[in-house]
PDB file of N, CA and C in Angstrom:
ATOM      1  N   MET A   1       0.834  -1.183   0.000  1.00  0.00           N
ATOM      2  CA  MET A   1       0.000   0.000   0.000  1.00  0.00           C
ATOM      3  C   MET A   1       0.873   1.240   0.000  1.00  0.00           C
ATOM      4  N   LYS A   2       0.321   2.288  -0.558  1.00  0.00           N
ATOM      5  CA  LYS A   2       1.033   3.554  -0.552  1.00  0.00           C
ATOM      6  C   LYS A   2       0.926   4.206   0.820  1.00  0.00           C
ATOM      7  N   ALA A   3       1.894   5.056   1.119  1.00  0.00           N
ATOM      8  CA  ALA A   3       1.902   5.742   2.418  1.00  0.00           C
ATOM      9  C   ALA A   3       0.674   6.627   2.588  1.00  0.00           C
ATOM     10  N   ALA A   4       0.220   7.262   1.503  1.00  0.00           N
ATOM     11  CA  ALA A   4      -0.960   8.138   1.594  1.00  0.00           C
ATOM     12  C   ALA A   4      -2.202   7.332   1.948  1.00  0.00           C
ATOM     13  N   THR A   5      -2.315   6.143   1.396  1.00  0.00           N
ATOM     14  CA  THR A   5      -3.466   5.293   1.704  1.00  0.00           C
ATOM     15  C   THR A   5      -3.437   4.859   3.154  1.00  0.00           C
ATOM     16  N   LEU A   6      -2.258   4.512   3.651  1.00  0.00           N
ATOM     17  CA  LEU A   6      -2.133   4.128   5.055  1.00  0.00           C
ATOM     18  C   LEU A   6      -2.470   5.293   5.981  1.00  0.00           C
ATOM     19  N   SER A   7      -2.057   6.496   5.601  1.00  0.00           N
ATOM     20  CA  SER A   7      -2.367   7.667   6.419  1.00  0.00           C
ATOM     21  C   SER A   7      -3.863   7.912   6.469  1.00  0.00           C
ATOM     22  N   LYS A   8      -4.526   7.784   5.329  1.00  0.00           N
ATOM     23  CA  LYS A   8      -5.976   7.983   5.282  1.00  0.00           C
ATOM     24  C   LYS A   8      -6.692   6.933   6.119  1.00  0.00           C
ATOM     25  N   LEU A   9      -6.214   5.696   6.045  1.00  0.00           N
ATOM     26  CA  LEU A   9      -6.811   4.643   6.864  1.00  0.00           C
ATOM     27  C   LEU A   9      -6.592   4.912   8.345  1.00  0.00           C
ATOM     28  N   GLY A  10      -5.432   5.438   8.693  1.00  0.00           N
ATOM     29  CA  GLY A  10      -5.145   5.770  10.088  1.00  0.00           C
ATOM     30  C   GLY A  10      -6.058   6.871  10.605  1.00  0.00           C
ATOM     31  N   VAL A  11      -6.271   7.886   9.788  1.00  0.00           N
ATOM     32  CA  VAL A  11      -7.156   8.983  10.173  1.00  0.00           C
ATOM     33  C   VAL A  11      -8.583   8.468  10.333  1.00  0.00           C
ATOM     34  N   MET A  12      -9.010   7.622   9.419  1.00  0.00           N
ATOM     35  CA  MET A  12     -10.361   7.060   9.515  1.00  0.00           C
ATOM     36  C   MET A  12     -10.496   6.203  10.772  1.00  0.00           C
ATOM     37  N   GLY A  13      -9.459   5.455  11.104  1.00  0.00           N
ATOM     38  CA  GLY A  13      -9.494   4.632  12.314  1.00  0.00           C
ATOM     39  C   GLY A  13      -9.596   5.477  13.575  1.00  0.00           C
ATOM     40  N   ILE A  14      -8.865   6.583  13.593  1.00  0.00           N
ATOM     41  CA  ILE A  14      -8.933   7.492  14.741  1.00  0.00           C
ATOM     42  C   ILE A  14     -10.326   8.077  14.871  1.00  0.00           C
ATOM     43  N   LEU A  15     -10.922   8.460  13.747  1.00  0.00           N
ATOM     44  CA  LEU A  15     -12.271   9.024  13.790  1.00  0.00           C
ATOM     45  C   LEU A  15     -13.293   8.006  14.285  1.00  0.00           C
ATOM     46  N   VAL A  16     -13.151   6.763  13.862  1.00  0.00           N
ATOM     47  CA  VAL A  16     -14.070   5.720  14.320  1.00  0.00           C
ATOM     48  C   VAL A  16     -13.950   5.527  15.828  1.00  0.00           C
ATOM     49  N   LEU A  17     -12.725   5.497  16.320  1.00  0.00           N
ATOM     50  CA  LEU A  17     -12.525   5.361  17.761  1.00  0.00           C
ATOM     51  C   LEU A  17     -13.080   6.564  18.523  1.00  0.00           C
ATOM     52  N   ALA A  18     -12.892   7.747  17.969  1.00  0.00           N
ATOM     53  CA  ALA A  18     -13.396   8.949  18.630  1.00  0.00           C
ATOM     54  C   ALA A  18     -14.916   8.945  18.686  1.00  0.00           C
ATOM     55  N   LEU A  19     -15.545   8.529  17.599  1.00  0.00           N
ATOM     56  CA  LEU A  19     -17.006   8.472  17.581  1.00  0.00           C
ATOM     57  C   LEU A  19     -17.519   7.400  18.536  1.00  0.00           C
ATOM     58  N   GLY A  20     -16.796   6.308  18.654  1.00  0.00           N
ATOM     59  CA  GLY A  20     -17.180   5.265  19.601  1.00  0.00           C
ATOM     60  C   GLY A  20     -17.103   5.753  21.039  1.00  0.00           C
ATOM     61  N   GLY A  21     -16.177   6.658  21.296  1.00  0.00           N
ATOM     62  CA  GLY A  21     -16.053   7.229  22.630  1.00  0.00           C
ATOM     63  C   GLY A  21     -17.163   8.205  22.967  1.00  0.00           C
ATOM     64  N   CYS A  22     -17.932   8.588  21.973  1.00  0.00           N
ATOM     65  CA  CYS A  22     -19.031   9.533  22.194  1.00  0.00           C
ATOM     66  C   CYS A  22     -20.316   8.832  22.608  1.00  0.00           C
ATOM     67  N   SER A  23     -20.234   7.574  22.976  1.00  0.00           N
ATOM     68  CA  SER A  23     -21.443   6.854  23.380  1.00  0.00           C
ATOM     69  C   SER A  23     -22.017   7.418  24.669  1.00  0.00           C
ATOM     70  N   SER A  24     -21.216   8.154  25.423  1.00  0.00           N
ATOM     71  CA  SER A  24     -21.702   8.777  26.645  1.00  0.00           C
ATOM     72  C   SER A  24     -22.009  10.256  26.415  1.00  0.00           C
ATOM     73  N   TRP A  25     -22.323  10.610  25.188  1.00  0.00           N
ATOM     74  CA  TRP A  25     -22.561  11.997  24.791  1.00  0.00           C
ATOM     75  C   TRP A  25     -23.641  12.659  25.657  1.00  0.00           C
ATOM     76  N   ASP A  26     -24.687  11.927  25.992  1.00  0.00           N
ATOM     77  CA  ASP A  26     -25.786  12.509  26.770  1.00  0.00           C
ATOM     78  C   ASP A  26     -25.355  12.893  28.182  1.00  0.00           C
ATOM     79  N   ASN A  27     -24.340  12.247  28.702  1.00  0.00           N
ATOM     80  CA  ASN A  27     -23.880  12.522  30.060  1.00  0.00           C
ATOM     81  C   ASN A  27     -22.813  13.610  30.125  1.00  0.00           C
ATOM     82  N   MET A  28     -22.431  14.162  28.984  1.00  0.00           N
ATOM     83  CA  MET A  28     -21.360  15.152  28.948  1.00  0.00           C
ATOM     84  C   MET A  28     -21.913  16.562  29.146  1.00  0.00           C
ATOM     85  N   SER A  29     -21.082  17.415  29.734  1.00  0.00           N
ATOM     86  CA  SER A  29     -21.448  18.824  29.858  1.00  0.00           C
ATOM     87  C   SER A  29     -21.268  19.510  28.500  1.00  0.00           C
ATOM     88  N   HIS A  30     -21.785  20.719  28.399  1.00  0.00           N
ATOM     89  CA  HIS A  30     -21.647  21.474  27.154  1.00  0.00           C
ATOM     90  C   HIS A  30     -20.172  21.712  26.830  1.00  0.00           C
ATOM     91  N   ARG A  31     -19.387  21.990  27.846  1.00  0.00           N
ATOM     92  CA  ARG A  31     -17.957  22.238  27.648  1.00  0.00           C
ATOM     93  C   ARG A  31     -17.245  20.992  27.124  1.00  0.00           C
ATOM     94  N   GLN A  32     -17.584  19.840  27.660  1.00  0.00           N
ATOM     95  CA  GLN A  32     -16.973  18.594  27.196  1.00  0.00           C
ATOM     96  C   GLN A  32     -17.362  18.296  25.756  1.00  0.00           C
ATOM     97  N   LYS A  33     -18.613  18.529  25.422  1.00  0.00           N
ATOM     98  CA  LYS A  33     -19.063  18.313  24.041  1.00  0.00           C
ATOM     99  C   LYS A  33     -18.327  19.250  23.083  1.00  0.00           C
ATOM    100  N   SER A  34     -18.139  20.497  23.494  1.00  0.00           N
ATOM    101  CA  SER A  34     -17.415  21.450  22.663  1.00  0.00           C
ATOM    102  C   SER A  34     -15.965  21.029  22.472  1.00  0.00           C
ATOM    103  N   THR A  35     -15.352  20.484  23.514  1.00  0.00           N
ATOM    104  CA  THR A  35     -13.964  20.031  23.428  1.00  0.00           C
ATOM    105  C   THR A  35     -13.834  18.862  22.452  1.00  0.00           C
ATOM    106  N   VAL A  36     -14.734  17.897  22.566  1.00  0.00           N
ATOM    107  CA  VAL A  36     -14.698  16.731  21.676  1.00  0.00           C
ATOM    108  C   VAL A  36     -14.937  17.152  20.229  1.00  0.00           C
ATOM    109  N   THR A  37     -15.912  18.012  20.024  1.00  0.00           N
ATOM    110  CA  THR A  37     -16.215  18.471  18.665  1.00  0.00           C
ATOM    111  C   THR A  37     -15.040  19.247  18.082  1.00  0.00           C
ATOM    112  N   GLY A  38     -14.449  20.127  18.874  1.00  0.00           N
ATOM    113  CA  GLY A  38     -13.293  20.889  18.411  1.00  0.00           C
ATOM    114  C   GLY A  38     -12.110  20.007  18.069  1.00  0.00           C
ATOM    115  N   ALA A  39     -11.875  18.991  18.900  1.00  0.00           N
ATOM    116  CA  ALA A  39     -10.765  18.071  18.634  1.00  0.00           C
ATOM    117  C   ALA A  39     -11.008  17.279  17.350  1.00  0.00           C
ATOM    118  N   GLY A  40     -12.239  16.854  17.144  1.00  0.00           N
ATOM    119  CA  GLY A  40     -12.558  16.102  15.921  1.00  0.00           C
ATOM    120  C   GLY A  40     -12.383  16.958  14.677  1.00  0.00           C
ATOM    121  N   LEU A  41     -12.940  18.156  14.705  1.00  0.00           N
ATOM    122  CA  LEU A  41     -12.819  19.047  13.554  1.00  0.00           C
ATOM    123  C   LEU A  41     -11.376  19.474  13.329  1.00  0.00           C
ATOM    124  N   GLY A  42     -10.656  19.737  14.409  1.00  0.00           N
ATOM    125  CA  GLY A  42      -9.251  20.118  14.284  1.00  0.00           C
ATOM    126  C   GLY A  42      -8.395  18.991  13.726  1.00  0.00           C
ATOM    127  N   GLY A  43      -8.680  17.761  14.142  1.00  0.00           N
ATOM    128  CA  GLY A  43      -7.946  16.617  13.615  1.00  0.00           C
ATOM    129  C   GLY A  43      -8.174  16.421  12.131  1.00  0.00           C
ATOM    130  N   VAL A  44      -9.419  16.566  11.713  1.00  0.00           N
ATOM    131  CA  VAL A  44      -9.734  16.438  10.282  1.00  0.00           C
ATOM    132  C   VAL A  44      -9.073  17.566   9.496  1.00  0.00           C
ATOM    133  N   ALA A  45      -9.172  18.791  10.006  1.00  0.00           N
ATOM    134  CA  ALA A  45      -8.552  19.926   9.317  1.00  0.00           C
ATOM    135  C   ALA A  45      -7.032  19.757   9.232  1.00  0.00           C
ATOM    136  N   GLY A  46      -6.414  19.317  10.327  1.00  0.00           N
ATOM    137  CA  GLY A  46      -4.975  19.097  10.316  1.00  0.00           C
ATOM    138  C   GLY A  46      -4.560  18.018   9.327  1.00  0.00           C
ATOM    139  N   ALA A  47      -5.369  16.974   9.227  1.00  0.00           N
ATOM    140  CA  ALA A  47      -5.074  15.894   8.276  1.00  0.00           C
ATOM    141  C   ALA A  47      -5.199  16.380   6.837  1.00  0.00           C
ATOM    142  N   VAL A  48      -6.211  17.187   6.579  1.00  0.00           N
ATOM    143  CA  VAL A  48      -6.406  17.703   5.219  1.00  0.00           C
ATOM    144  C   VAL A  48      -5.276  18.658   4.841  1.00  0.00           C
ATOM    145  N   ILE A  49      -4.931  19.541   5.750  1.00  0.00           N
ATOM    146  CA  ILE A  49      -3.892  20.536   5.457  1.00  0.00           C
ATOM    147  C   ILE A  49      -2.538  19.883   5.223  1.00  0.00           C
ATOM    148  N   THR A  50      -2.208  18.845   5.997  1.00  0.00           N
ATOM    149  CA  THR A  50      -0.892  18.216   5.871  1.00  0.00           C
ATOM    150  C   THR A  50      -0.910  16.985   4.974  1.00  0.00           C
ATOM    151  N   GLY A  51      -2.021  16.727   4.308  1.00  0.00           N
ATOM    152  CA  GLY A  51      -2.088  15.563   3.424  1.00  0.00           C
ATOM    153  C   GLY A  51      -2.084  14.250   4.177  1.00  0.00           C
ATOM    154  N   GLY A  52      -2.676  14.215   5.343  1.00  0.00           N
ATOM    155  CA  GLY A  52      -2.757  12.988   6.127  1.00  0.00           C
ATOM    156  C   GLY A  52      -1.580  12.770   7.053  1.00  0.00           C
ATOM    157  N   GLY A  53      -0.792  13.793   7.283  1.00  0.00           N
ATOM    158  CA  GLY A  53       0.359  13.674   8.166  1.00  0.00           C
ATOM    159  C   GLY A  53      -0.071  13.467   9.613  1.00  0.00           C
ATOM    160  N   VAL A  54       0.641  12.600  10.299  1.00  0.00           N
ATOM    161  CA  VAL A  54       0.293  12.283  11.683  1.00  0.00           C
ATOM    162  C   VAL A  54       0.456  13.507  12.579  1.00  0.00           C
ATOM    163  N   LEU A  55       1.550  14.221  12.423  1.00  0.00           N
ATOM    164  CA  LEU A  55       1.801  15.401  13.254  1.00  0.00           C
ATOM    165  C   LEU A  55       0.725  16.458  13.037  1.00  0.00           C
ATOM    166  N   GLY A  56       0.328  16.662  11.793  1.00  0.00           N
ATOM    167  CA  GLY A  56      -0.720  17.635  11.498  1.00  0.00           C
ATOM    168  C   GLY A  56      -2.061  17.224  12.068  1.00  0.00           C
ATOM    169  N   THR A  57      -2.362  15.926  12.007  1.00  0.00           N
ATOM    170  CA  THR A  57      -3.625  15.423  12.535  1.00  0.00           C
ATOM    171  C   THR A  57      -3.679  15.575  14.052  1.00  0.00           C
ATOM    172  N   VAL A  58      -2.624  15.144  14.723  1.00  0.00           N
ATOM    173  CA  VAL A  58      -2.582  15.231  16.185  1.00  0.00           C
ATOM    174  C   VAL A  58      -2.525  16.688  16.636  1.00  0.00           C
ATOM    175  N   GLY A  59      -1.737  17.482  15.955  1.00  0.00           N
ATOM    176  CA  GLY A  59      -1.641  18.904  16.301  1.00  0.00           C
ATOM    177  C   GLY A  59      -2.968  19.618  16.103  1.00  0.00           C
ATOM    178  N   GLY A  60      -3.643  19.317  14.989  1.00  0.00           N
ATOM    179  CA  GLY A  60      -4.945  19.918  14.734  1.00  0.00           C
ATOM    180  C   GLY A  60      -5.973  19.514  15.779  1.00  0.00           C
ATOM    181  N   ALA A  61      -5.925  18.246  16.187  1.00  0.00           N
ATOM    182  CA  ALA A  61      -6.855  17.775  17.220  1.00  0.00           C
ATOM    183  C   ALA A  61      -6.581  18.468  18.547  1.00  0.00           C
ATOM    184  N   ALA A  62      -5.319  18.638  18.883  1.00  0.00           N
ATOM    185  CA  ALA A  62      -4.967  19.300  20.148  1.00  0.00           C
ATOM    186  C   ALA A  62      -5.409  20.762  20.144  1.00  0.00           C
ATOM    187  N   ILE A  63      -5.111  21.456  19.073  1.00  0.00           N
ATOM    188  CA  ILE A  63      -5.490  22.865  18.979  1.00  0.00           C
ATOM    189  C   ILE A  63      -7.013  23.010  18.942  1.00  0.00           C
ATOM    190  N   GLY A  64      -7.673  22.160  18.167  1.00  0.00           N
ATOM    191  CA  GLY A  64      -9.138  22.204  18.100  1.00  0.00           C
ATOM    192  C   GLY A  64      -9.780  21.898  19.437  1.00  0.00           C
ATOM    193  N   GLY A  65      -9.206  20.970  20.187  1.00  0.00           N
ATOM    194  CA  GLY A  65      -9.731  20.650  21.507  1.00  0.00           C
ATOM    195  C   GLY A  65      -9.622  21.808  22.474  1.00  0.00           C
ATOM    196  N   VAL A  66      -8.496  22.507  22.428  1.00  0.00           N
ATOM    197  CA  VAL A  66      -8.302  23.669  23.304  1.00  0.00           C
ATOM    198  C   VAL A  66      -9.286  24.777  22.928  1.00  0.00           C
ATOM    199  N   ILE A  67      -9.433  25.028  21.633  1.00  0.00           N
ATOM    200  CA  ILE A  67     -10.375  26.061  21.193  1.00  0.00           C
ATOM    201  C   ILE A  67     -11.804  25.682  21.575  1.00  0.00           C
ATOM    202  N   GLY A  68     -12.180  24.430  21.356  1.00  0.00           N
ATOM    203  CA  GLY A  68     -13.517  23.982  21.722  1.00  0.00           C
ATOM    204  C   GLY A  68     -13.767  24.104  23.215  1.00  0.00           C
ATOM    205  N   ASP A  69     -12.765  23.788  24.014  1.00  0.00           N
ATOM    206  CA  ASP A  69     -12.889  23.903  25.468  1.00  0.00           C
ATOM    207  C   ASP A  69     -13.127  25.344  25.880  1.00  0.00           C
ATOM    208  N   GLN A  70     -12.384  26.261  25.288  1.00  0.00           N
ATOM    209  CA  GLN A  70     -12.524  27.676  25.645  1.00  0.00           C
ATOM    210  C   GLN A  70     -13.865  28.241  25.179  1.00  0.00           C
ATOM    211  N   VAL A  71     -14.316  27.834  24.016  1.00  0.00           N
ATOM    212  CA  VAL A  71     -15.621  28.292  23.529  1.00  0.00           C
ATOM    213  C   VAL A  71     -16.728  27.712  24.407  1.00  0.00           C
ATOM    214  N   GLY A  72     -16.602  26.456  24.799  1.00  0.00           N
ATOM    215  CA  GLY A  72     -17.632  25.789  25.575  1.00  0.00           C
ATOM    216  C   GLY A  72     -17.754  26.272  27.004  1.00  0.00           C
ATOM    217  N   LYS A  73     -16.714  26.879  27.552  1.00  0.00           N
ATOM    218  CA  LYS A  73     -16.790  27.300  28.959  1.00  0.00           C
ATOM    219  C   LYS A  73     -17.638  28.544  29.138  1.00  0.00           C
ATOM    220  N   ASN A  74     -17.933  29.236  28.062  1.00  0.00           N
ATOM    221  CA  ASN A  74     -18.740  30.452  28.146  1.00  0.00           C
ATOM    222  C   ASN A  74     -20.232  30.174  28.209  1.00  0.00           C
ATOM    223  N   LYS A  75     -20.635  28.931  28.092  1.00  0.00           N
ATOM    224  CA  LYS A  75     -22.065  28.616  28.081  1.00  0.00           C
ATOM    225  C   LYS A  75     -22.469  27.910  29.330  1.00  0.00           C
TER     226      LYS A  75
END
């Protein structure tokens, strides 16, 4: 397999695991939901920007999670 295909599969696997972790979504506070959503969107954005790079995906998820947390604390 090509490296790009493996990267895409890795990103998809991470997203599946993240969505599986949302099974307790109803029990989460608004701030926690914002953090999870921000991390998911940031991870996808980081993967797209870096062409599926692991560092970009993880970095995007971390930055998105922090932004989501800060936005969610105001509600």
